[in-house]
Amino acid sequence: MAKKKNLTDVMTKFQMPPNLIDQLYELSGNADKYKGVVVAYLSEDGTPLVYAKYDSQVIEFGMRKALEKYLENTDMSEITINGDESFGEEGLDEQ
């Protein structure tokens, strides 16, 4: 009797095509300066992957600061939503 193959056994793992990052990079910024791109995604097995390409250290620093602010804001949004007393355990018990 033939052994059944799982779909995941037949499929190859996804890898971000390098030319996609290059195309995103070319679309960012002006023709010859201020270019930079950061792409973050999860692989099929849940591994976080981050690709980045910058045209200078100054742009890299700016992108890092923008990402830091984004992450801080998303953390604060979660705290605001989850930490709001009206939606917390006490708020629900009092109703």
C-alpha atoms as a PDB file:
ATOM      1  CA  MET A   1       0.000   0.000   0.000  1.00  0.00           C
ATOM      2  CA  ALA A   2       1.390   3.423  -0.999  1.00  0.00           C
ATOM      3  CA  LYS A   3       2.053   5.933   1.760  1.00  0.00           C
ATOM      4  CA  LYS A   4       0.045   9.158   1.454  1.00  0.00           C
ATOM      5  CA  LYS A   5       2.087  12.323   1.139  1.00  0.00           C
ATOM      6  CA  ASN A   6       1.154  15.406   3.091  1.00  0.00           C
ATOM      7  CA  LEU A   7       0.814  18.607   1.107  1.00  0.00           C
ATOM      8  CA  THR A   8       3.632  20.109   3.189  1.00  0.00           C
ATOM      9  CA  ASP A   9       5.942  17.261   2.162  1.00  0.00           C
ATOM     10  CA  VAL A  10       5.477  18.121  -1.513  1.00  0.00           C
ATOM     11  CA  MET A  11       5.649  21.933  -1.276  1.00  0.00           C
ATOM     12  CA  THR A  12       8.931  23.792  -1.058  1.00  0.00           C
ATOM     13  CA  LYS A  13       9.383  26.349   1.713  1.00  0.00           C
ATOM     14  CA  PHE A  14       8.652  29.932   0.751  1.00  0.00           C
ATOM     15  CA  GLN A  15      11.593  32.285   0.503  1.00  0.00           C
ATOM     16  CA  MET A  16      11.294  35.981  -0.177  1.00  0.00           C
ATOM     17  CA  PRO A  17      12.598  36.533  -3.717  1.00  0.00           C
ATOM     18  CA  PRO A  18      15.644  38.828  -3.540  1.00  0.00           C
ATOM     19  CA  ASN A  19      14.403  40.817  -6.535  1.00  0.00           C
ATOM     20  CA  LEU A  20      11.205  41.682  -4.603  1.00  0.00           C
ATOM     21  CA  ILE A  21      13.259  43.413  -1.894  1.00  0.00           C
ATOM     22  CA  ASP A  22      15.275  45.171  -4.612  1.00  0.00           C
ATOM     23  CA  GLN A  23      12.075  46.352  -6.326  1.00  0.00           C
ATOM     24  CA  LEU A  24      10.628  47.673  -3.061  1.00  0.00           C
ATOM     25  CA  TYR A  25      13.935  49.401  -2.371  1.00  0.00           C
ATOM     26  CA  GLU A  26      13.914  51.045  -5.813  1.00  0.00           C
ATOM     27  CA  LEU A  27      10.354  52.290  -5.246  1.00  0.00           C
ATOM     28  CA  SER A  28      11.286  53.886  -1.920  1.00  0.00           C
ATOM     29  CA  GLY A  29      12.785  57.350  -1.633  1.00  0.00           C
ATOM     30  CA  ASN A  30      13.944  59.621  -4.439  1.00  0.00           C
ATOM     31  CA  ALA A  31      15.794  58.480  -7.528  1.00  0.00           C
ATOM     32  CA  ASP A  32      19.231  58.713  -5.954  1.00  0.00           C
ATOM     33  CA  LYS A  33      18.790  59.226  -2.192  1.00  0.00           C
ATOM     34  CA  TYR A  34      16.656  58.561   0.880  1.00  0.00           C
ATOM     35  CA  LYS A  35      16.063  54.927  -0.056  1.00  0.00           C
ATOM     36  CA  GLY A  36      15.335  52.239   2.475  1.00  0.00           C
ATOM     37  CA  VAL A  37      13.022  49.320   3.096  1.00  0.00           C
ATOM     38  CA  VAL A  38      12.346  46.868   5.923  1.00  0.00           C
ATOM     39  CA  VAL A  39      10.153  43.820   5.375  1.00  0.00           C
ATOM     40  CA  ALA A  40       9.133  41.544   8.226  1.00  0.00           C
ATOM     41  CA  TYR A  41       7.091  38.373   7.865  1.00  0.00           C
ATOM     42  CA  LEU A  42       6.645  34.896   9.325  1.00  0.00           C
ATOM     43  CA  SER A  43       7.666  31.712   7.540  1.00  0.00           C
ATOM     44  CA  GLU A  44       5.343  28.711   7.305  1.00  0.00           C
ATOM     45  CA  ASP A  45       6.761  27.324  10.540  1.00  0.00           C
ATOM     46  CA  GLY A  46       6.316  30.624  12.414  1.00  0.00           C
ATOM     47  CA  THR A  47       9.920  31.803  12.232  1.00  0.00           C
ATOM     48  CA  PRO A  48      10.073  35.617  12.072  1.00  0.00           C
ATOM     49  CA  LEU A  49      12.197  36.890   9.181  1.00  0.00           C
ATOM     50  CA  VAL A  50      13.310  40.455   8.560  1.00  0.00           C
ATOM     51  CA  TYR A  51      14.914  41.789   5.398  1.00  0.00           C
ATOM     52  CA  ALA A  52      16.356  45.291   5.245  1.00  0.00           C
ATOM     53  CA  LYS A  53      18.130  47.391   2.651  1.00  0.00           C
ATOM     54  CA  TYR A  54      19.310  50.997   3.106  1.00  0.00           C
ATOM     55  CA  ASP A  55      21.303  53.419   1.015  1.00  0.00           C
ATOM     56  CA  SER A  56      23.167  54.919   3.980  1.00  0.00           C
ATOM     57  CA  GLN A  57      23.709  54.690   7.723  1.00  0.00           C
ATOM     58  CA  VAL A  58      21.604  57.816   8.205  1.00  0.00           C
ATOM     59  CA  ILE A  59      18.630  56.144   6.515  1.00  0.00           C
ATOM     60  CA  GLU A  60      19.229  52.987   8.554  1.00  0.00           C
ATOM     61  CA  PHE A  61      19.133  55.062  11.755  1.00  0.00           C
ATOM     62  CA  GLY A  62      15.931  56.806  10.653  1.00  0.00           C
ATOM     63  CA  MET A  63      14.265  53.505   9.784  1.00  0.00           C
ATOM     64  CA  ARG A  64      15.294  52.020  13.140  1.00  0.00           C
ATOM     65  CA  LYS A  65      13.816  54.985  15.001  1.00  0.00           C
ATOM     66  CA  ALA A  66      10.603  54.763  12.963  1.00  0.00           C
ATOM     67  CA  LEU A  67      10.325  51.047  13.765  1.00  0.00           C
ATOM     68  CA  GLU A  68      11.006  51.702  17.452  1.00  0.00           C
ATOM     69  CA  LYS A  69       8.211  54.294  17.533  1.00  0.00           C
ATOM     70  CA  TYR A  70       5.872  51.945  15.677  1.00  0.00           C
ATOM     71  CA  LEU A  71       6.553  49.132  18.160  1.00  0.00           C
ATOM     72  CA  GLU A  72       6.196  51.459  21.140  1.00  0.00           C
ATOM     73  CA  ASN A  73       2.867  52.742  19.786  1.00  0.00           C
ATOM     74  CA  THR A  74       1.535  49.242  19.200  1.00  0.00           C
ATOM     75  CA  ASP A  75       2.599  48.274  22.723  1.00  0.00           C
ATOM     76  CA  MET A  76       0.854  51.348  24.123  1.00  0.00           C
ATOM     77  CA  SER A  77      -2.303  50.575  22.112  1.00  0.00           C
ATOM     78  CA  GLU A  78      -2.402  47.090  23.606  1.00  0.00           C
ATOM     79  CA  ILE A  79      -1.916  48.506  27.102  1.00  0.00           C
ATOM     80  CA  THR A  80      -4.679  51.062  26.544  1.00  0.00           C
ATOM     81  CA  ILE A  81      -7.142  48.471  25.236  1.00  0.00           C
ATOM     82  CA  ASN A  82      -6.232  45.710  27.685  1.00  0.00           C
ATOM     83  CA  GLY A  83      -5.521  48.003  30.614  1.00  0.00           C
ATOM     84  CA  ASP A  84      -8.716  50.030  30.429  1.00  0.00           C
ATOM     85  CA  GLU A  85     -10.463  49.338  33.763  1.00  0.00           C
ATOM     86  CA  SER A  86     -13.898  49.349  32.149  1.00  0.00           C
ATOM     87  CA  PHE A  87     -12.838  46.340  30.081  1.00  0.00           C
ATOM     88  CA  GLY A  88     -10.791  44.669  32.800  1.00  0.00           C
ATOM     89  CA  GLU A  89     -11.938  41.947  35.186  1.00  0.00           C
ATOM     90  CA  GLU A  90     -13.254  44.468  37.721  1.00  0.00           C
ATOM     91  CA  GLY A  91     -15.250  46.363  35.077  1.00  0.00           C
ATOM     92  CA  LEU A  92     -16.952  43.210  33.855  1.00  0.00           C
ATOM     93  CA  ASP A  93     -17.716  41.907  37.380  1.00  0.00           C
ATOM     94  CA  GLU A  94     -19.355  45.169  38.446  1.00  0.00           C
ATOM     95  CA  GLN A  95     -21.936  45.146  35.631  1.00  0.00           C
END
